[in-house]
Amino acid sequence: MPTITTSQEVNLLQLQYIADSCGLRRTYLPDDGDITTRSADTEHLKAGSVAKTPGGTLLSSPQPDIEWLPSLKTYLARVERLSMTAHDRPTTVPEGFPPTIDAARVWSGDQFSESERYIVRLSDHDVSEIKTALAFLKSLPSHNGPDDVSTDNFPLPTLGQKLVEVSKTLHSGIGFAVIRGLKPEEYSPLDNILLYLGITSYIAEIRGVQDYDGRMLDRCDILSMYALDVATAGGESLLASSGKIYNEIAATRPDVIHTLADNQWVFDRFRNNETAWYKRQLLYNFEGHGPGFSYSRRPLTGAPFSPHSPGVPPMTEVQAEALDMVHFTAKAHQLSIKLERGDIEIFNNFAMFHARNGFVDDRSSTRHMVRLWLKSKKFAWPTPEPLIQTSEEIYGANELRAAGKWDVHRAPPINRVLTEKMACS
């Protein structure tokens, strides 16, 4: 297992990551399985460093032994070590938070032995409606591009109501669904985008602005992925219920709920300037829906392909324990979904944690997902105050939206590791 120790090796790892993301069959690092790395650029924070806050305050603190790829051994050792020195830990959850969430979105993966509980199968009639709606949209003399697609010009007389029920499932049910039955190979690249937008406009009609690479980090409401193609092997989608995670931690370690709901978590923006980081909490109490999470791990820990910006303050040992506790609790209850070509996977980003397994492509099949960030006018969870500004940037009418372009044809994620702006997880 190689150890990355120089800036040159960091660059090589970034290059390998980009090559893999683009589907290029080029090797820049030794191929000896799973790689856990530690770069020279982040080592100074691991060992202890002097960091400068946005206000100019100098900090000196060691970075906990925590990585982007979580280590169960390290986590269990930290839990044991902290238990020996812990005094007066809170024995109840924070004021205003419920002791438990009682809702359909609280589940464990082993409850879904029957995939029919979450798969919405399109009938021949449904597909015919989609084709008719697509033809109608394209027949319009103007205002028939991706930005124009809506329920008004993409009529689905019977399927539309079924899709409204999917929206209810995302917002007040189990929190996710897979729509199955499309054959993307039957449509042009543009037509696939148009019909995807038409279908999802019945579920969540407000579409968010992504950056060039559509990175997924932490702040969209509804996340959707249309599988234009799937990997030859692997690539399973992994979902876990944030409600289940909350209930288990609240019952066994309510002090960790306090840590997760504290607004002292440092998020790296991956910008090399005085605004390179900011603070907020990971856990929010959504009005009418209860606790839900909004974060991704990379801005908190950095990653081999995306080291922390210089001067970003380290997290505490208590935070590191809490972050890994969420991860390993999610892993214990996750659901693995093998997506098929043509599937549309869609879920509530506040109610779910999501990831995927590694995958292998070949010349006959190359994984290709089209991602949308969505929000429903009618069913959306109220946005917590700390997330309002970012929500406006993603979903509001602004210069980012005015300058936006639809990436109809497959494009390489060249700048994926360079910045965190406009991100969703």
Protein backbone atom coordinates (compact mmCIF):
# COMPACT_ATOMS: atom_id res chain seq x y z
CA MET A 1 0.00 0.00 0.00
CA PRO A 2 1.76 3.20 -1.13
CA THR A 3 2.08 6.24 1.06
CA ILE A 4 1.89 9.65 -0.59
CA THR A 5 4.62 11.80 0.90
CA THR A 6 5.48 14.48 -1.64
CA SER A 7 3.62 17.18 -3.52
CA GLN A 8 4.56 15.46 -6.77
CA GLU A 9 2.89 12.27 -5.60
CA VAL A 10 -0.20 14.25 -4.60
CA ASN A 11 -0.33 15.62 -8.15
CA LEU A 12 0.01 12.11 -9.54
CA LEU A 13 -2.86 10.91 -7.37
CA GLN A 14 -5.01 13.82 -8.57
CA LEU A 15 -4.10 12.98 -12.16
CA GLN A 16 -5.03 9.32 -11.58
CA TYR A 17 -8.34 10.37 -10.07
CA ILE A 18 -9.14 12.60 -13.04
CA ALA A 19 -8.14 9.87 -15.50
CA ASP A 20 -10.37 7.35 -13.72
CA SER A 21 -13.27 9.83 -13.63
CA CYS A 22 -12.92 10.48 -17.36
CA GLY A 23 -12.73 6.79 -18.18
CA LEU A 24 -9.18 7.07 -19.51
CA ARG A 25 -7.28 3.80 -19.32
CA ARG A 26 -4.05 5.30 -18.06
CA THR A 27 -2.14 4.46 -14.90
CA TYR A 28 -0.10 7.01 -12.98
CA LEU A 29 0.17 5.19 -9.63
CA PRO A 30 1.00 1.56 -8.76
CA ASP A 31 -2.08 -0.63 -8.90
CA ASP A 32 -2.04 -2.60 -5.67
CA GLY A 33 -5.61 -2.33 -4.45
CA ASP A 34 -7.23 0.08 -2.06
CA ILE A 35 -5.09 3.15 -1.46
CA THR A 36 -4.98 5.03 1.81
CA THR A 37 -2.85 8.11 1.49
CA ARG A 38 -1.42 10.97 3.50
CA SER A 39 0.08 13.91 1.67
CA ALA A 40 2.92 16.20 2.62
CA ASP A 41 0.51 19.11 2.10
CA THR A 42 -1.70 17.89 4.95
CA GLU A 43 0.88 16.28 7.18
CA HIS A 44 1.69 19.55 8.91
CA LEU A 45 -1.91 19.70 10.11
CA LYS A 46 -1.81 16.09 11.23
CA ALA A 47 1.22 16.65 13.39
CA GLY A 48 0.18 20.06 14.65
CA SER A 49 0.36 23.45 13.06
CA VAL A 50 -0.20 27.16 13.38
CA ALA A 51 -3.39 28.11 11.55
CA LYS A 52 -4.92 31.52 10.90
CA THR A 53 -8.64 32.11 11.31
CA PRO A 54 -10.64 34.50 9.12
CA GLY A 55 -10.41 37.01 11.98
CA GLY A 56 -6.65 36.75 12.12
CA THR A 57 -6.41 34.68 15.32
CA LEU A 58 -3.55 32.23 15.41
CA LEU A 59 -4.34 28.66 16.39
CA SER A 60 -2.05 25.82 17.31
CA SER A 61 -3.65 22.42 17.53
CA PRO A 62 -2.98 18.84 16.39
CA GLN A 63 -5.20 17.30 13.75
CA PRO A 64 -6.86 14.05 14.91
CA ASP A 65 -5.92 10.86 13.13
CA ILE A 66 -8.91 10.89 10.79
CA GLU A 67 -9.02 10.42 7.04
CA TRP A 68 -11.49 10.80 4.18
CA LEU A 69 -11.68 6.99 4.04
CA PRO A 70 -12.78 6.07 7.59
CA SER A 71 -10.81 3.52 9.59
CA LEU A 72 -12.87 1.30 11.91
CA LYS A 73 -9.77 0.42 13.94
CA THR A 74 -8.91 4.10 14.48
CA TYR A 75 -12.51 4.93 15.32
CA LEU A 76 -12.89 2.17 17.93
CA ALA A 77 -9.57 3.13 19.52
CA ARG A 78 -10.72 6.76 19.75
CA VAL A 79 -14.05 5.76 21.33
CA GLU A 80 -12.21 3.75 23.96
CA ARG A 81 -9.65 6.47 24.62
CA LEU A 82 -12.22 9.25 24.99
CA SER A 83 -14.40 7.11 27.28
CA MET A 84 -11.58 6.99 29.81
CA THR A 85 -11.36 10.77 30.11
CA ALA A 86 -14.99 11.77 29.52
CA HIS A 87 -16.73 13.51 32.40
CA ASP A 88 -20.23 14.93 32.65
CA ARG A 89 -21.32 13.97 29.15
CA PRO A 90 -24.89 15.10 28.40
CA THR A 91 -27.39 12.31 29.01
CA THR A 92 -30.20 13.80 26.92
CA VAL A 93 -30.35 15.26 23.42
CA PRO A 94 -30.18 19.06 22.94
CA GLU A 95 -33.22 21.15 23.83
CA GLY A 96 -35.74 21.13 21.02
CA PHE A 97 -34.48 17.85 19.54
CA PRO A 98 -36.69 14.77 19.94
CA PRO A 99 -35.39 11.72 21.81
CA THR A 100 -36.41 9.65 18.80
CA ILE A 101 -37.75 10.12 15.27
CA ASP A 102 -40.96 8.19 14.55
CA ALA A 103 -41.42 8.37 10.79
CA ALA A 104 -41.42 6.22 7.66
CA ARG A 105 -37.96 7.56 6.78
CA VAL A 106 -36.49 5.65 9.72
CA TRP A 107 -35.41 2.29 8.33
CA SER A 108 -32.58 -0.21 8.07
CA GLY A 109 -31.42 -1.72 4.80
CA ASP A 110 -32.46 -5.24 5.82
CA GLN A 111 -36.08 -4.10 5.76
CA PHE A 112 -35.96 -3.86 1.95
CA SER A 113 -35.50 -7.48 0.96
CA GLU A 114 -38.21 -6.79 -1.61
CA SER A 115 -37.07 -4.06 -3.99
CA GLU A 116 -40.67 -3.48 -5.05
CA ARG A 117 -41.05 -1.32 -1.95
CA TYR A 118 -39.02 1.43 -3.58
CA ILE A 119 -39.03 0.69 -7.33
CA VAL A 120 -41.62 2.56 -9.41
CA ARG A 121 -42.00 0.55 -12.60
CA LEU A 122 -43.07 2.38 -15.72
CA SER A 123 -45.72 0.56 -17.72
CA ASP A 124 -45.83 0.54 -21.51
CA HIS A 125 -48.56 3.17 -21.24
CA ASP A 126 -46.34 5.32 -18.99
CA VAL A 127 -43.48 5.16 -21.48
CA SER A 128 -45.87 5.98 -24.31
CA GLU A 129 -47.02 9.06 -22.39
CA ILE A 130 -43.40 10.15 -21.94
CA LYS A 131 -42.71 9.77 -25.67
CA THR A 132 -45.85 11.73 -26.54
CA ALA A 133 -44.93 14.49 -24.09
CA LEU A 134 -41.41 14.66 -25.52
CA ALA A 135 -42.79 14.98 -29.06
CA PHE A 136 -45.17 17.72 -27.94
CA LEU A 137 -42.36 19.68 -26.28
CA LYS A 138 -40.15 19.45 -29.36
CA SER A 139 -43.01 20.50 -31.62
CA LEU A 140 -43.28 23.89 -29.92
CA PRO A 141 -41.90 26.71 -32.11
CA SER A 142 -39.89 28.14 -29.20
CA HIS A 143 -39.24 27.78 -25.48
CA ASN A 144 -38.62 24.07 -25.82
CA GLY A 145 -35.07 23.75 -24.46
CA PRO A 146 -33.93 22.26 -21.13
CA ASP A 147 -34.54 25.50 -19.22
CA ASP A 148 -38.12 25.57 -20.44
CA VAL A 149 -39.27 22.07 -19.48
CA SER A 150 -42.17 22.06 -17.02
CA THR A 151 -45.36 20.19 -16.27
CA ASP A 152 -47.14 22.66 -18.57
CA ASN A 153 -45.25 21.69 -21.73
CA PHE A 154 -44.47 18.08 -20.80
CA PRO A 155 -47.98 16.70 -20.21
CA LEU A 156 -48.25 13.34 -18.46
CA PRO A 157 -52.02 12.90 -17.92
CA THR A 158 -51.86 9.67 -15.87
CA LEU A 159 -48.17 9.17 -15.04
CA GLY A 160 -48.00 12.69 -13.61
CA GLN A 161 -50.07 11.77 -10.55
CA LYS A 162 -47.92 8.72 -9.94
CA LEU A 163 -44.85 10.98 -9.93
CA VAL A 164 -46.52 13.36 -7.45
CA GLU A 165 -46.86 10.34 -5.16
CA VAL A 166 -43.11 9.75 -5.58
CA SER A 167 -42.54 13.32 -4.37
CA LYS A 168 -44.64 12.60 -1.28
CA THR A 169 -42.55 9.48 -0.67
CA LEU A 170 -39.36 11.53 -0.78
CA HIS A 171 -40.59 14.24 1.58
CA SER A 172 -42.79 12.34 4.04
CA GLY A 173 -42.30 8.65 3.27
CA ILE A 174 -39.25 6.39 3.14
CA GLY A 175 -37.26 9.18 1.47
CA PHE A 176 -36.16 7.58 -1.81
CA ALA A 177 -37.34 5.83 -4.96
CA VAL A 178 -36.03 4.27 -8.15
CA ILE A 179 -38.03 4.87 -11.34
CA ARG A 180 -37.42 1.98 -13.74
CA GLY A 181 -38.45 1.28 -17.31
CA LEU A 182 -36.72 3.84 -19.55
CA LYS A 183 -34.39 2.81 -22.37
CA PRO A 184 -31.95 5.71 -22.84
CA GLU A 185 -30.37 4.07 -25.90
CA GLU A 186 -33.61 4.82 -27.79
CA TYR A 187 -33.17 8.59 -27.41
CA SER A 188 -30.63 11.21 -28.45
CA PRO A 189 -28.47 12.84 -25.74
CA LEU A 190 -30.67 15.96 -25.80
CA ASP A 191 -33.91 13.96 -25.74
CA ASN A 192 -32.67 12.02 -22.70
CA ILE A 193 -32.10 15.31 -20.89
CA LEU A 194 -35.51 16.68 -21.92
CA LEU A 195 -37.47 13.63 -20.83
CA TYR A 196 -35.49 13.41 -17.58
CA LEU A 197 -36.38 17.03 -16.82
CA GLY A 198 -39.99 16.41 -17.81
CA ILE A 199 -40.35 13.43 -15.48
CA THR A 200 -38.66 15.08 -12.51
CA SER A 201 -40.63 18.33 -12.93
CA TYR A 202 -43.62 16.45 -11.47
CA ILE A 203 -41.54 15.44 -8.43
CA ALA A 204 -39.57 18.62 -7.68
CA GLU A 205 -39.86 21.41 -10.23
CA ILE A 206 -37.14 23.81 -9.04
CA ARG A 207 -33.80 22.85 -10.58
CA GLY A 208 -30.55 23.82 -8.92
CA VAL A 209 -27.44 25.25 -10.56
CA GLN A 210 -24.41 22.99 -10.47
CA ASP A 211 -20.86 23.93 -11.40
CA TYR A 212 -18.99 22.48 -14.37
CA ASP A 213 -18.40 19.17 -12.64
CA GLY A 214 -21.63 18.76 -10.69
CA ARG A 215 -19.79 17.76 -7.55
CA MET A 216 -21.81 16.28 -4.71
CA LEU A 217 -20.93 17.58 -1.29
CA ASP A 218 -23.60 18.85 0.99
CA ARG A 219 -26.48 21.18 0.42
CA CYS A 220 -29.18 20.31 -2.13
CA ASP A 221 -32.69 19.24 -1.11
CA ILE A 222 -33.48 16.45 -3.56
CA LEU A 223 -30.77 14.61 -5.49
CA SER A 224 -31.56 12.64 -8.63
CA MET A 225 -29.41 10.51 -10.92
CA TYR A 226 -30.42 9.16 -14.35
CA ALA A 227 -28.37 6.11 -15.32
CA LEU A 228 -27.66 6.53 -19.03
CA ASP A 229 -25.27 3.62 -18.62
CA VAL A 230 -23.97 1.51 -15.76
CA ALA A 231 -20.61 -0.01 -14.93
CA THR A 232 -19.61 -3.49 -15.99
CA ALA A 233 -19.12 -4.41 -12.34
CA GLY A 234 -19.68 -2.66 -9.03
CA GLY A 235 -20.93 0.90 -8.65
CA GLU A 236 -23.87 -0.07 -6.42
CA SER A 237 -25.70 2.89 -4.91
CA LEU A 238 -25.63 2.92 -1.10
CA LEU A 239 -28.31 4.70 0.91
CA ALA A 240 -28.78 4.97 4.67
CA SER A 241 -31.57 6.56 6.70
CA SER A 242 -30.43 9.63 8.61
CA GLY A 243 -33.41 9.08 10.95
CA LYS A 244 -32.18 5.59 11.84
CA ILE A 245 -28.70 6.96 12.47
CA TYR A 246 -30.06 9.74 14.67
CA ASN A 247 -32.22 7.35 16.72
CA GLU A 248 -29.39 4.93 17.37
CA ILE A 249 -26.91 7.61 18.42
CA ALA A 250 -29.51 9.52 20.48
CA ALA A 251 -30.35 6.33 22.40
CA THR A 252 -26.76 5.30 23.12
CA ARG A 253 -24.66 8.49 23.00
CA PRO A 254 -26.86 11.61 23.29
CA ASP A 255 -23.71 13.66 23.90
CA VAL A 256 -22.73 13.00 20.28
CA ILE A 257 -26.00 14.60 19.13
CA HIS A 258 -24.84 17.75 20.93
CA THR A 259 -21.55 17.61 19.04
CA LEU A 260 -23.23 17.11 15.65
CA ALA A 261 -25.68 19.97 16.29
CA ASP A 262 -22.93 22.36 17.42
CA ASN A 263 -22.02 25.09 14.91
CA GLN A 264 -18.25 24.79 15.39
CA TRP A 265 -17.53 22.36 12.56
CA VAL A 266 -14.95 23.73 10.13
CA PHE A 267 -15.74 23.33 6.42
CA ASP A 268 -12.90 23.78 3.94
CA ARG A 269 -13.91 25.72 0.82
CA PHE A 270 -10.64 24.65 -0.84
CA ARG A 271 -9.79 28.24 -1.67
CA ASN A 272 -6.33 29.51 -0.84
CA ASN A 273 -7.36 32.82 0.74
CA GLU A 274 -8.73 34.34 3.93
CA THR A 275 -12.20 32.89 3.30
CA ALA A 276 -10.92 29.36 2.77
CA TRP A 277 -13.17 27.95 5.48
CA TYR A 278 -16.34 28.59 7.47
CA LYS A 279 -18.22 27.01 10.38
CA ARG A 280 -21.65 25.47 10.77
CA GLN A 281 -23.31 22.41 12.28
CA LEU A 282 -23.86 19.02 10.64
CA LEU A 283 -27.25 18.22 12.18
CA TYR A 284 -30.39 20.38 11.94
CA ASN A 285 -33.85 20.10 13.46
CA PHE A 286 -36.11 20.62 10.42
CA GLU A 287 -39.44 22.23 11.27
CA GLY A 288 -42.22 19.68 10.90
CA HIS A 289 -39.85 16.84 10.03
CA GLY A 290 -37.32 16.52 12.85
CA PRO A 291 -33.56 16.00 12.72
CA GLY A 292 -31.71 15.64 9.44
CA PHE A 293 -28.12 15.99 8.28
CA SER A 294 -26.48 18.28 5.73
CA TYR A 295 -22.79 17.73 5.12
CA SER A 296 -20.19 15.71 3.26
CA ARG A 297 -16.96 14.34 4.65
CA ARG A 298 -14.40 15.84 2.27
CA PRO A 299 -14.66 19.50 3.40
CA LEU A 300 -14.25 18.26 6.98
CA THR A 301 -11.32 15.87 6.57
CA GLY A 302 -9.77 16.73 3.22
CA ALA A 303 -8.98 13.85 0.87
CA PRO A 304 -5.94 12.32 -0.90
CA PHE A 305 -7.00 13.98 -4.17
CA SER A 306 -8.08 17.19 -2.39
CA PRO A 307 -5.87 18.07 0.61
CA HIS A 308 -6.99 20.65 3.15
CA SER A 309 -6.21 24.26 2.33
CA PRO A 310 -3.29 25.69 4.32
CA GLY A 311 -4.42 27.18 7.60
CA VAL A 312 -7.74 25.37 7.94
CA PRO A 313 -8.23 24.68 11.68
CA PRO A 314 -8.33 21.00 12.62
CA MET A 315 -11.36 19.31 14.08
CA THR A 316 -11.31 18.13 17.68
CA GLU A 317 -11.00 14.53 18.86
CA VAL A 318 -14.62 14.67 20.03
CA GLN A 319 -15.71 15.83 16.57
CA ALA A 320 -13.66 13.09 14.92
CA GLU A 321 -15.40 10.50 17.09
CA ALA A 322 -18.83 11.91 16.19
CA LEU A 323 -18.06 12.04 12.45
CA ASP A 324 -16.93 8.43 12.34
CA MET A 325 -19.81 7.32 14.56
CA VAL A 326 -22.26 8.62 11.95
CA HIS A 327 -20.32 6.87 9.18
CA PHE A 328 -20.15 3.45 10.82
CA THR A 329 -23.74 3.61 12.05
CA ALA A 330 -24.81 4.41 8.48
CA LYS A 331 -22.73 1.54 7.15
CA ALA A 332 -24.41 -0.88 9.57
CA HIS A 333 -27.86 0.07 8.24
CA GLN A 334 -27.18 0.85 4.58
CA LEU A 335 -29.16 -0.40 1.62
CA SER A 336 -27.27 -1.44 -1.51
CA ILE A 337 -29.10 -0.80 -4.79
CA LYS A 338 -27.87 -2.20 -8.10
CA LEU A 339 -29.06 0.37 -10.61
CA GLU A 340 -29.92 -0.66 -14.16
CA ARG A 341 -29.49 1.31 -17.36
CA GLY A 342 -32.40 3.74 -17.61
CA ASP A 343 -33.06 3.93 -13.86
CA ILE A 344 -33.76 7.27 -12.22
CA GLU A 345 -32.69 7.17 -8.58
CA ILE A 346 -34.05 10.06 -6.53
CA PHE A 347 -33.91 10.79 -2.81
CA ASN A 348 -34.29 13.36 -0.05
CA ASN A 349 -30.77 14.57 0.65
CA PHE A 350 -31.61 15.63 4.22
CA ALA A 351 -33.18 12.27 5.08
CA MET A 352 -30.56 10.05 3.42
CA PHE A 353 -26.82 9.47 3.45
CA HIS A 354 -25.53 8.25 0.10
CA ALA A 355 -22.40 6.77 -1.41
CA ARG A 356 -21.49 4.17 -4.01
CA ASN A 357 -19.22 1.18 -4.32
CA GLY A 358 -16.16 1.21 -6.55
CA PHE A 359 -16.80 0.15 -10.12
CA VAL A 360 -15.15 -1.24 -13.25
CA ASP A 361 -15.89 -0.04 -16.78
CA ASP A 362 -14.96 -1.65 -20.07
CA ARG A 363 -15.46 -0.81 -23.74
CA SER A 364 -18.94 -2.29 -23.75
CA SER A 365 -20.26 -0.46 -20.72
CA THR A 366 -19.15 2.81 -19.10
CA ARG A 367 -20.90 4.27 -16.05
CA HIS A 368 -22.66 7.53 -16.95
CA MET A 369 -24.99 9.29 -14.51
CA VAL A 370 -26.81 12.56 -15.19
CA ARG A 371 -27.33 14.37 -11.91
CA LEU A 372 -29.95 16.94 -10.94
CA TRP A 373 -30.35 19.02 -7.79
CA LEU A 374 -34.05 19.60 -7.20
CA LYS A 375 -36.48 21.25 -4.82
CA SER A 376 -40.25 21.02 -4.57
CA LYS A 377 -42.29 24.20 -4.08
CA LYS A 378 -45.08 22.28 -2.37
CA PHE A 379 -43.32 19.63 -0.30
CA ALA A 380 -39.79 20.94 0.42
CA TRP A 381 -38.55 20.79 4.00
CA PRO A 382 -38.08 24.32 5.45
CA THR A 383 -34.49 25.45 4.91
CA PRO A 384 -32.54 26.00 8.18
CA GLU A 385 -31.22 29.54 8.57
CA PRO A 386 -27.51 28.60 8.18
CA LEU A 387 -28.28 27.00 4.79
CA ILE A 388 -30.50 29.74 3.34
CA GLN A 389 -27.75 31.63 1.52
CA THR A 390 -26.43 28.53 -0.21
CA SER A 391 -29.95 27.40 -1.04
CA GLU A 392 -30.54 30.74 -2.75
CA GLU A 393 -27.29 30.38 -4.69
CA ILE A 394 -28.34 26.94 -5.91
CA TYR A 395 -32.04 27.46 -6.53
CA GLY A 396 -32.49 31.24 -6.80
CA ALA A 397 -32.47 33.58 -9.79
CA ASN A 398 -28.90 34.87 -9.86
CA GLU A 399 -25.86 35.39 -12.07
CA LEU A 400 -24.82 31.75 -11.69
CA ARG A 401 -28.12 30.63 -13.20
CA ALA A 402 -27.96 33.30 -15.91
CA ALA A 403 -24.53 32.06 -16.97
CA GLY A 404 -25.50 28.38 -16.75
CA LYS A 405 -25.22 25.94 -19.63
CA TRP A 406 -26.65 22.46 -20.02
CA ASP A 407 -24.00 19.77 -20.32
CA VAL A 408 -25.93 17.59 -22.75
CA HIS A 409 -22.94 15.60 -23.92
CA ARG A 410 -20.67 13.74 -21.57
CA ALA A 411 -17.90 15.97 -20.22
CA PRO A 412 -14.85 15.08 -18.11
CA PRO A 413 -14.81 16.27 -14.48
CA ILE A 414 -11.46 18.03 -14.92
CA ASN A 415 -11.75 20.47 -12.02
CA ARG A 416 -13.58 18.17 -9.58
CA VAL A 417 -10.90 18.35 -6.90
CA LEU A 418 -10.15 22.05 -7.06
CA THR A 419 -13.06 23.73 -5.31
CA GLU A 420 -16.07 23.05 -3.10
CA LYS A 421 -18.32 25.84 -4.41
CA MET A 422 -21.87 24.93 -5.46
CA ALA A 423 -21.80 21.47 -4.00
CA CYS A 424 -24.35 18.93 -2.87
CA SER A 425 -24.22 15.65 -1.05
